[in-house]
Amino acid sequence: MAGQVILDSAGAIAVVLLSHPGKLGAMSRGMWRELKVVFERIQREPRWRCVLVRGDPGAFSAGGDIAEYPEFRFDPARLREFHEHDVWGGLRAMLDCDVPMVALIEGACMGAGMEIASCCDIRVASVNAKFGAPIARLGFPMAPREARLVASAAGMATAREMLLEAAVLDTAQMKARGFLHEVVAEGEAATRVRQRCERIALLAPQAARMNKRTFRALAAGGMPPDAYDYAPGAEHREGIAAFLEKRQPVF
């Protein structure tokens, strides 16, 4: 069965499923293109307040679909097109999305999986998850933009260990290094992630989007130009009024 990136909805929560049955969620070239389309749609539609990113049960993504590689990997121009257009197009759409993203990580989170997880704001893993990018065993390096992304999320020391030593790390190591926000018992990750998504969805959605734009601007060494434009907004007024009136805000 061909892989797919499937967008579903549970109220204000968008669910993005990396589905490639029989291949542990390995990302095909088509899936990278679908990832871009899906996150561009999420960015456009204000009804979604949180995104849950997950793989098929038992795996997040085991990396790229290696069966496709002989079609393009041995030609520099075609390889560049794959990484700079297909892969980075999908990752860039995730990074540009202002809606908070929570990753549900079970099983294999390798290579492409690490890159996709690195785009998410909050990462929750089942205790059985494994992390790495052992592509040195396949004879190639990580593309430059993708390496920068993983290093920024997991830390340069971790990225070097994964790429230079083909190290595969467990949840305790990735939690200690700051990549994971929470590790839960096997079978409990979906429930915990849903709880986090529901909590985010109850909060002020425009404030969340502005926070994500601020994070991007700070990472680029700047400041968002519209940082205080929210002042007269309905969300701002409702939040302050609800606090003063000792009630729950309705956003």
C-alpha atoms as a PDB file:
ATOM      1  CA  MET A   1       0.000   0.000   0.000  1.00  0.00           C
ATOM      2  CA  ALA A   2       1.304   3.458  -0.891  1.00  0.00           C
ATOM      3  CA  GLY A   3       2.031   5.879   1.906  1.00  0.00           C
ATOM      4  CA  GLN A   4      -0.221   8.830   2.656  1.00  0.00           C
ATOM      5  CA  VAL A   5      -0.328  11.920   4.826  1.00  0.00           C
ATOM      6  CA  ILE A   6      -3.916  12.018   6.046  1.00  0.00           C
ATOM      7  CA  LEU A   7      -5.602  15.084   7.521  1.00  0.00           C
ATOM      8  CA  ASP A   8      -8.513  14.416   9.853  1.00  0.00           C
ATOM      9  CA  SER A   9     -10.300  16.630  12.326  1.00  0.00           C
ATOM     10  CA  ALA A  10     -11.554  16.282  15.868  1.00  0.00           C
ATOM     11  CA  GLY A  11     -13.267  19.584  16.535  1.00  0.00           C
ATOM     12  CA  ALA A  12     -10.636  22.277  16.908  1.00  0.00           C
ATOM     13  CA  ILE A  13      -7.823  19.707  16.695  1.00  0.00           C
ATOM     14  CA  ALA A  14      -6.356  18.740  13.326  1.00  0.00           C
ATOM     15  CA  VAL A  15      -4.918  15.232  13.225  1.00  0.00           C
ATOM     16  CA  VAL A  16      -2.088  14.605  10.742  1.00  0.00           C
ATOM     17  CA  LEU A  17      -1.359  10.907  10.220  1.00  0.00           C
ATOM     18  CA  LEU A  18       1.867   9.724   8.583  1.00  0.00           C
ATOM     19  CA  SER A  19       0.562   6.421   7.243  1.00  0.00           C
ATOM     20  CA  HIS A  20       2.633   3.887   5.345  1.00  0.00           C
ATOM     21  CA  PRO A  21       1.408   0.442   6.426  1.00  0.00           C
ATOM     22  CA  GLY A  22       4.075  -2.228   6.408  1.00  0.00           C
ATOM     23  CA  LYS A  23       6.886   0.353   6.267  1.00  0.00           C
ATOM     24  CA  LEU A  24       6.655   1.900   9.771  1.00  0.00           C
ATOM     25  CA  GLY A  25       5.539   5.251   8.388  1.00  0.00           C
ATOM     26  CA  ALA A  26       8.519   5.636   6.041  1.00  0.00           C
ATOM     27  CA  MET A  27       8.149   8.871   4.074  1.00  0.00           C
ATOM     28  CA  SER A  28       7.770   8.426   0.328  1.00  0.00           C
ATOM     29  CA  ARG A  29       8.356  11.279  -2.098  1.00  0.00           C
ATOM     30  CA  GLY A  30       4.604  11.639  -2.506  1.00  0.00           C
ATOM     31  CA  MET A  31       4.124  11.834   1.253  1.00  0.00           C
ATOM     32  CA  TRP A  32       6.545  14.762   1.505  1.00  0.00           C
ATOM     33  CA  ARG A  33       4.512  16.609  -1.117  1.00  0.00           C
ATOM     34  CA  GLU A  34       1.286  15.775   0.720  1.00  0.00           C
ATOM     35  CA  LEU A  35       2.787  17.032   3.979  1.00  0.00           C
ATOM     36  CA  LYS A  36       3.292  20.456   2.386  1.00  0.00           C
ATOM     37  CA  VAL A  37      -0.290  20.611   1.101  1.00  0.00           C
ATOM     38  CA  VAL A  38      -1.725  19.493   4.446  1.00  0.00           C
ATOM     39  CA  PHE A  39       0.123  22.081   6.540  1.00  0.00           C
ATOM     40  CA  GLU A  40      -0.554  24.898   4.102  1.00  0.00           C
ATOM     41  CA  ARG A  41      -4.252  24.066   4.472  1.00  0.00           C
ATOM     42  CA  ILE A  42      -4.030  23.987   8.270  1.00  0.00           C
ATOM     43  CA  GLN A  43      -2.329  27.393   8.226  1.00  0.00           C
ATOM     44  CA  ARG A  44      -5.130  28.881   6.118  1.00  0.00           C
ATOM     45  CA  GLU A  45      -8.069  27.600   8.159  1.00  0.00           C
ATOM     46  CA  PRO A  46      -8.718  29.394  11.483  1.00  0.00           C
ATOM     47  CA  ARG A  47     -10.949  26.642  12.907  1.00  0.00           C
ATOM     48  CA  TRP A  48      -7.968  24.546  13.977  1.00  0.00           C
ATOM     49  CA  ARG A  49      -6.311  25.474  17.264  1.00  0.00           C
ATOM     50  CA  CYS A  50      -3.908  22.559  17.639  1.00  0.00           C
ATOM     51  CA  VAL A  51      -2.352  19.895  15.417  1.00  0.00           C
ATOM     52  CA  LEU A  52      -1.697  16.335  16.557  1.00  0.00           C
ATOM     53  CA  VAL A  53       1.043  14.734  14.444  1.00  0.00           C
ATOM     54  CA  ARG A  54       1.350  10.963  14.646  1.00  0.00           C
ATOM     55  CA  GLY A  55       2.179   7.800  12.715  1.00  0.00           C
ATOM     56  CA  ASP A  56       0.347   4.529  12.372  1.00  0.00           C
ATOM     57  CA  PRO A  57       0.020   2.686  15.715  1.00  0.00           C
ATOM     58  CA  GLY A  58       3.420   1.453  16.845  1.00  0.00           C
ATOM     59  CA  ALA A  59       5.638   3.795  14.830  1.00  0.00           C
ATOM     60  CA  PHE A  60       6.081   7.502  14.140  1.00  0.00           C
ATOM     61  CA  SER A  61       8.253   7.317  11.009  1.00  0.00           C
ATOM     62  CA  ALA A  62      11.177   4.994  10.366  1.00  0.00           C
ATOM     63  CA  GLY A  63      12.761   7.447   7.905  1.00  0.00           C
ATOM     64  CA  GLY A  64      12.581   7.695   4.129  1.00  0.00           C
ATOM     65  CA  ASP A  65      11.183   5.075   1.787  1.00  0.00           C
ATOM     66  CA  ILE A  66      14.489   3.537   0.709  1.00  0.00           C
ATOM     67  CA  ALA A  67      12.816   1.507  -2.049  1.00  0.00           C
ATOM     68  CA  GLU A  68      12.404   4.753  -4.010  1.00  0.00           C
ATOM     69  CA  TYR A  69      16.001   5.908  -3.644  1.00  0.00           C
ATOM     70  CA  PRO A  70      17.558   4.292  -6.753  1.00  0.00           C
ATOM     71  CA  GLU A  71      15.156   6.374  -8.881  1.00  0.00           C
ATOM     72  CA  PHE A  72      16.828   9.689  -8.031  1.00  0.00           C
ATOM     73  CA  ARG A  73      19.566   9.552  -5.407  1.00  0.00           C
ATOM     74  CA  PHE A  74      22.504   8.938  -7.745  1.00  0.00           C
ATOM     75  CA  ASP A  75      22.030  12.117  -9.811  1.00  0.00           C
ATOM     76  CA  PRO A  76      23.072  15.388  -8.067  1.00  0.00           C
ATOM     77  CA  ALA A  77      20.387  17.539  -9.733  1.00  0.00           C
ATOM     78  CA  ARG A  78      17.580  15.086  -8.970  1.00  0.00           C
ATOM     79  CA  LEU A  79      18.839  14.578  -5.428  1.00  0.00           C
ATOM     80  CA  ARG A  80      18.882  18.331  -4.849  1.00  0.00           C
ATOM     81  CA  GLU A  81      15.339  18.605  -6.193  1.00  0.00           C
ATOM     82  CA  PHE A  82      14.192  15.880  -3.810  1.00  0.00           C
ATOM     83  CA  HIS A  83      15.691  17.483  -0.711  1.00  0.00           C
ATOM     84  CA  GLU A  84      15.199  21.174  -1.505  1.00  0.00           C
ATOM     85  CA  HIS A  85      11.731  20.896  -3.049  1.00  0.00           C
ATOM     86  CA  ASP A  86       9.981  17.790  -1.767  1.00  0.00           C
ATOM     87  CA  VAL A  87      11.465  17.267   1.688  1.00  0.00           C
ATOM     88  CA  TRP A  88      12.146  20.867   2.608  1.00  0.00           C
ATOM     89  CA  GLY A  89       8.825  21.943   1.105  1.00  0.00           C
ATOM     90  CA  GLY A  90       7.022  19.726   3.601  1.00  0.00           C
ATOM     91  CA  LEU A  91       9.212  20.679   6.551  1.00  0.00           C
ATOM     92  CA  ARG A  92       9.052  24.382   5.696  1.00  0.00           C
ATOM     93  CA  ALA A  93       5.247  24.246   5.617  1.00  0.00           C
ATOM     94  CA  MET A  94       5.328  22.768   9.116  1.00  0.00           C
ATOM     95  CA  LEU A  95       7.780  25.390  10.382  1.00  0.00           C
ATOM     96  CA  ASP A  96       5.698  28.195   8.851  1.00  0.00           C
ATOM     97  CA  CYS A  97       2.465  26.937  10.417  1.00  0.00           C
ATOM     98  CA  ASP A  98       1.275  29.165  13.259  1.00  0.00           C
ATOM     99  CA  VAL A  99      -0.947  26.505  14.855  1.00  0.00           C
ATOM    100  CA  PRO A 100       0.632  24.711  17.857  1.00  0.00           C
ATOM    101  CA  MET A 101       1.742  21.150  17.039  1.00  0.00           C
ATOM    102  CA  VAL A 102       2.027  18.181  19.386  1.00  0.00           C
ATOM    103  CA  ALA A 103       3.881  15.048  18.255  1.00  0.00           C
ATOM    104  CA  LEU A 104       2.750  11.616  19.419  1.00  0.00           C
ATOM    105  CA  ILE A 105       5.851   9.433  19.051  1.00  0.00           C
ATOM    106  CA  GLU A 106       5.692   5.663  19.289  1.00  0.00           C
ATOM    107  CA  GLY A 107       8.276   3.166  18.090  1.00  0.00           C
ATOM    108  CA  ALA A 108      10.681   4.258  15.354  1.00  0.00           C
ATOM    109  CA  CYS A 109      11.464   7.964  14.984  1.00  0.00           C
ATOM    110  CA  MET A 110      14.366   7.838  12.543  1.00  0.00           C
ATOM    111  CA  GLY A 111      15.754  10.190   9.916  1.00  0.00           C
ATOM    112  CA  ALA A 112      12.692  11.765   8.342  1.00  0.00           C
ATOM    113  CA  GLY A 113      10.816  11.048  11.563  1.00  0.00           C
ATOM    114  CA  MET A 114      13.375  13.055  13.542  1.00  0.00           C
ATOM    115  CA  GLU A 115      13.011  15.906  11.076  1.00  0.00           C
ATOM    116  CA  ILE A 116       9.214  15.971  11.290  1.00  0.00           C
ATOM    117  CA  ALA A 117       9.248  15.661  15.087  1.00  0.00           C
ATOM    118  CA  SER A 118      11.768  18.526  15.216  1.00  0.00           C
ATOM    119  CA  CYS A 119       9.156  20.809  13.600  1.00  0.00           C
ATOM    120  CA  CYS A 120       6.648  20.148  16.388  1.00  0.00           C
ATOM    121  CA  ASP A 121       6.285  22.408  19.420  1.00  0.00           C
ATOM    122  CA  ILE A 122       5.662  19.690  22.003  1.00  0.00           C
ATOM    123  CA  ARG A 123       6.877  16.094  21.764  1.00  0.00           C
ATOM    124  CA  VAL A 124       5.398  13.254  23.834  1.00  0.00           C
ATOM    125  CA  ALA A 125       6.828   9.751  23.433  1.00  0.00           C
ATOM    126  CA  SER A 126       5.890   6.263  24.462  1.00  0.00           C
ATOM    127  CA  VAL A 127       8.649   4.656  26.510  1.00  0.00           C
ATOM    128  CA  ASN A 128       9.282   2.216  23.643  1.00  0.00           C
ATOM    129  CA  ALA A 129      10.254   4.956  21.131  1.00  0.00           C
ATOM    130  CA  LYS A 130      13.710   5.027  19.515  1.00  0.00           C
ATOM    131  CA  PHE A 131      15.415   8.014  17.914  1.00  0.00           C
ATOM    132  CA  GLY A 132      18.201   8.369  15.391  1.00  0.00           C
ATOM    133  CA  ALA A 133      19.336   9.111  11.859  1.00  0.00           C
ATOM    134  CA  PRO A 134      21.649   6.203  11.015  1.00  0.00           C
ATOM    135  CA  ILE A 135      21.957   7.156   7.347  1.00  0.00           C
ATOM    136  CA  ALA A 136      25.756   6.800   7.469  1.00  0.00           C
ATOM    137  CA  ARG A 137      25.004   3.083   7.139  1.00  0.00           C
ATOM    138  CA  LEU A 138      23.374   3.907   3.793  1.00  0.00           C
ATOM    139  CA  GLY A 139      26.360   5.905   2.599  1.00  0.00           C
ATOM    140  CA  PHE A 140      24.984   9.451   2.575  1.00  0.00           C
ATOM    141  CA  PRO A 141      24.842  12.539   4.839  1.00  0.00           C
ATOM    142  CA  MET A 142      21.813  14.499   5.997  1.00  0.00           C
ATOM    143  CA  ALA A 143      20.903  17.405   3.731  1.00  0.00           C
ATOM    144  CA  PRO A 144      22.136  20.755   5.141  1.00  0.00           C
ATOM    145  CA  ARG A 145      18.766  22.377   5.966  1.00  0.00           C
ATOM    146  CA  GLU A 146      17.534  19.162   7.546  1.00  0.00           C
ATOM    147  CA  ALA A 147      20.709  18.797   9.630  1.00  0.00           C
ATOM    148  CA  ARG A 148      20.316  22.358  10.896  1.00  0.00           C
ATOM    149  CA  LEU A 149      16.692  21.645  11.830  1.00  0.00           C
ATOM    150  CA  VAL A 150      17.527  18.497  13.810  1.00  0.00           C
ATOM    151  CA  ALA A 151      20.503  20.160  15.516  1.00  0.00           C
ATOM    152  CA  SER A 152      18.361  23.127  16.552  1.00  0.00           C
ATOM    153  CA  ALA A 153      15.725  20.868  18.140  1.00  0.00           C
ATOM    154  CA  ALA A 154      17.828  18.002  19.519  1.00  0.00           C
ATOM    155  CA  GLY A 155      21.106  19.849  20.101  1.00  0.00           C
ATOM    156  CA  MET A 156      24.307  19.819  18.089  1.00  0.00           C
ATOM    157  CA  ALA A 157      25.902  17.146  20.272  1.00  0.00           C
ATOM    158  CA  THR A 158      22.959  14.806  19.697  1.00  0.00           C
ATOM    159  CA  ALA A 159      22.896  15.511  15.962  1.00  0.00           C
ATOM    160  CA  ARG A 160      26.611  14.730  15.710  1.00  0.00           C
ATOM    161  CA  GLU A 161      26.166  11.489  17.628  1.00  0.00           C
ATOM    162  CA  MET A 162      23.262  10.404  15.428  1.00  0.00           C
ATOM    163  CA  LEU A 163      24.933  11.294  12.127  1.00  0.00           C
ATOM    164  CA  LEU A 164      28.585  10.500  12.794  1.00  0.00           C
ATOM    165  CA  GLU A 165      28.153   7.406  14.974  1.00  0.00           C
ATOM    166  CA  ALA A 166      24.754   6.226  13.683  1.00  0.00           C
ATOM    167  CA  ALA A 167      23.658   6.249  17.325  1.00  0.00           C
ATOM    168  CA  VAL A 168      20.103   5.231  18.184  1.00  0.00           C
ATOM    169  CA  LEU A 169      18.910   6.807  21.431  1.00  0.00           C
ATOM    170  CA  ASP A 170      16.099   5.876  23.783  1.00  0.00           C
ATOM    171  CA  THR A 171      13.441   8.039  25.422  1.00  0.00           C
ATOM    172  CA  ALA A 172      15.378   8.523  28.669  1.00  0.00           C
ATOM    173  CA  GLN A 173      18.332   9.939  26.733  1.00  0.00           C
ATOM    174  CA  MET A 174      16.176  12.180  24.537  1.00  0.00           C
ATOM    175  CA  LYS A 175      14.217  13.448  27.543  1.00  0.00           C
ATOM    176  CA  ALA A 176      17.450  14.259  29.390  1.00  0.00           C
ATOM    177  CA  ARG A 177      18.710  16.154  26.345  1.00  0.00           C
ATOM    178  CA  GLY A 178      15.600  18.304  26.126  1.00  0.00           C
ATOM    179  CA  PHE A 179      14.130  16.905  22.911  1.00  0.00           C
ATOM    180  CA  LEU A 180      11.151  15.251  24.592  1.00  0.00           C
ATOM    181  CA  HIS A 181       8.713  17.055  26.853  1.00  0.00           C
ATOM    182  CA  GLU A 182       7.204  13.901  28.328  1.00  0.00           C
ATOM    183  CA  VAL A 183       7.686  10.132  28.289  1.00  0.00           C
ATOM    184  CA  VAL A 184       4.728   7.922  29.161  1.00  0.00           C
ATOM    185  CA  ALA A 185       4.095   4.221  29.608  1.00  0.00           C
ATOM    186  CA  GLU A 186       3.470   2.094  26.541  1.00  0.00           C
ATOM    187  CA  GLY A 187      -0.148   2.387  25.457  1.00  0.00           C
ATOM    188  CA  GLU A 188      -0.745   5.712  27.231  1.00  0.00           C
ATOM    189  CA  ALA A 189       0.816   8.174  24.780  1.00  0.00           C
ATOM    190  CA  ALA A 190      -2.313   8.723  22.685  1.00  0.00           C
ATOM    191  CA  THR A 191      -4.401   9.623  25.731  1.00  0.00           C
ATOM    192  CA  ARG A 192      -1.763  11.976  27.100  1.00  0.00           C
ATOM    193  CA  VAL A 193      -1.260  13.736  23.784  1.00  0.00           C
ATOM    194  CA  ARG A 194      -5.004  14.155  23.364  1.00  0.00           C
ATOM    195  CA  GLN A 195      -5.168  15.784  26.809  1.00  0.00           C
ATOM    196  CA  ARG A 196      -2.409  18.220  25.864  1.00  0.00           C
ATOM    197  CA  CYS A 197      -4.087  19.061  22.559  1.00  0.00           C
ATOM    198  CA  GLU A 198      -7.431  19.671  24.254  1.00  0.00           C
ATOM    199  CA  ARG A 199      -5.788  21.980  26.782  1.00  0.00           C
ATOM    200  CA  ILE A 200      -4.156  23.987  24.003  1.00  0.00           C
ATOM    201  CA  ALA A 201      -7.437  24.146  22.066  1.00  0.00           C
ATOM    202  CA  LEU A 202      -9.181  25.827  25.029  1.00  0.00           C
ATOM    203  CA  LEU A 203      -6.657  28.672  25.130  1.00  0.00           C
ATOM    204  CA  ALA A 204      -6.595  31.859  23.057  1.00  0.00           C
ATOM    205  CA  PRO A 205      -5.886  30.734  19.458  1.00  0.00           C
ATOM    206  CA  GLN A 206      -4.607  34.068  18.144  1.00  0.00           C
ATOM    207  CA  ALA A 207      -2.259  34.415  21.112  1.00  0.00           C
ATOM    208  CA  ALA A 208      -0.845  30.960  20.273  1.00  0.00           C
ATOM    209  CA  ARG A 209      -0.328  31.932  16.643  1.00  0.00           C
ATOM    210  CA  MET A 210       1.391  35.144  17.682  1.00  0.00           C
ATOM    211  CA  ASN A 211       3.654  33.239  20.069  1.00  0.00           C
ATOM    212  CA  LYS A 212       4.738  30.957  17.240  1.00  0.00           C
ATOM    213  CA  ARG A 213       5.490  33.933  14.988  1.00  0.00           C
ATOM    214  CA  THR A 214       7.510  35.443  17.847  1.00  0.00           C
ATOM    215  CA  PHE A 215       9.497  32.223  18.287  1.00  0.00           C
ATOM    216  CA  ARG A 216      10.333  32.217  14.562  1.00  0.00           C
ATOM    217  CA  ALA A 217      11.397  35.838  14.612  1.00  0.00           C
ATOM    218  CA  LEU A 218      13.583  35.344  17.686  1.00  0.00           C
ATOM    219  CA  ALA A 219      15.209  32.279  16.124  1.00  0.00           C
ATOM    220  CA  ALA A 220      16.076  34.434  13.106  1.00  0.00           C
ATOM    221  CA  GLY A 221      17.574  37.114  15.345  1.00  0.00           C
ATOM    222  CA  GLY A 222      14.731  39.621  14.940  1.00  0.00           C
ATOM    223  CA  MET A 223      11.477  40.758  16.493  1.00  0.00           C
ATOM    224  CA  PRO A 224       7.953  40.400  15.041  1.00  0.00           C
ATOM    225  CA  PRO A 225       6.809  43.760  13.599  1.00  0.00           C
ATOM    226  CA  ASP A 226       3.210  43.311  14.805  1.00  0.00           C
ATOM    227  CA  ALA A 227       4.018  42.273  18.375  1.00  0.00           C
ATOM    228  CA  TYR A 228       1.461  44.599  19.988  1.00  0.00           C
ATOM    229  CA  ASP A 229      -1.261  44.751  17.345  1.00  0.00           C
ATOM    230  CA  TYR A 230      -3.406  42.404  19.433  1.00  0.00           C
ATOM    231  CA  ALA A 231      -4.156  45.174  21.971  1.00  0.00           C
ATOM    232  CA  PRO A 232      -7.741  46.010  20.855  1.00  0.00           C
ATOM    233  CA  GLY A 233      -8.621  42.425  19.898  1.00  0.00           C
ATOM    234  CA  ALA A 234     -11.609  40.455  21.177  1.00  0.00           C
ATOM    235  CA  GLU A 235      -9.451  37.651  22.593  1.00  0.00           C
ATOM    236  CA  HIS A 236      -7.406  40.091  24.640  1.00  0.00           C
ATOM    237  CA  ARG A 237     -10.497  41.819  26.000  1.00  0.00           C
ATOM    238  CA  GLU A 238     -12.216  38.517  26.810  1.00  0.00           C
ATOM    239  CA  GLY A 239      -9.204  37.120  28.650  1.00  0.00           C
ATOM    240  CA  ILE A 240      -8.806  40.166  30.867  1.00  0.00           C
ATOM    241  CA  ALA A 241     -12.567  40.498  31.468  1.00  0.00           C
ATOM    242  CA  ALA A 242     -12.877  36.827  32.421  1.00  0.00           C
ATOM    243  CA  PHE A 243     -10.055  37.129  34.940  1.00  0.00           C
ATOM    244  CA  LEU A 244     -11.586  40.220  36.548  1.00  0.00           C
ATOM    245  CA  GLU A 245     -15.038  38.600  36.619  1.00  0.00           C
ATOM    246  CA  LYS A 246     -13.620  35.367  38.087  1.00  0.00           C
ATOM    247  CA  ARG A 247     -14.910  33.117  35.304  1.00  0.00           C
ATOM    248  CA  GLN A 248     -13.437  30.910  32.581  1.00  0.00           C
ATOM    249  CA  PRO A 249     -12.699  32.773  29.343  1.00  0.00           C
ATOM    250  CA  VAL A 250     -14.469  31.739  26.153  1.00  0.00           C
ATOM    251  CA  PHE A 251     -12.161  32.058  23.160  1.00  0.00           C
END
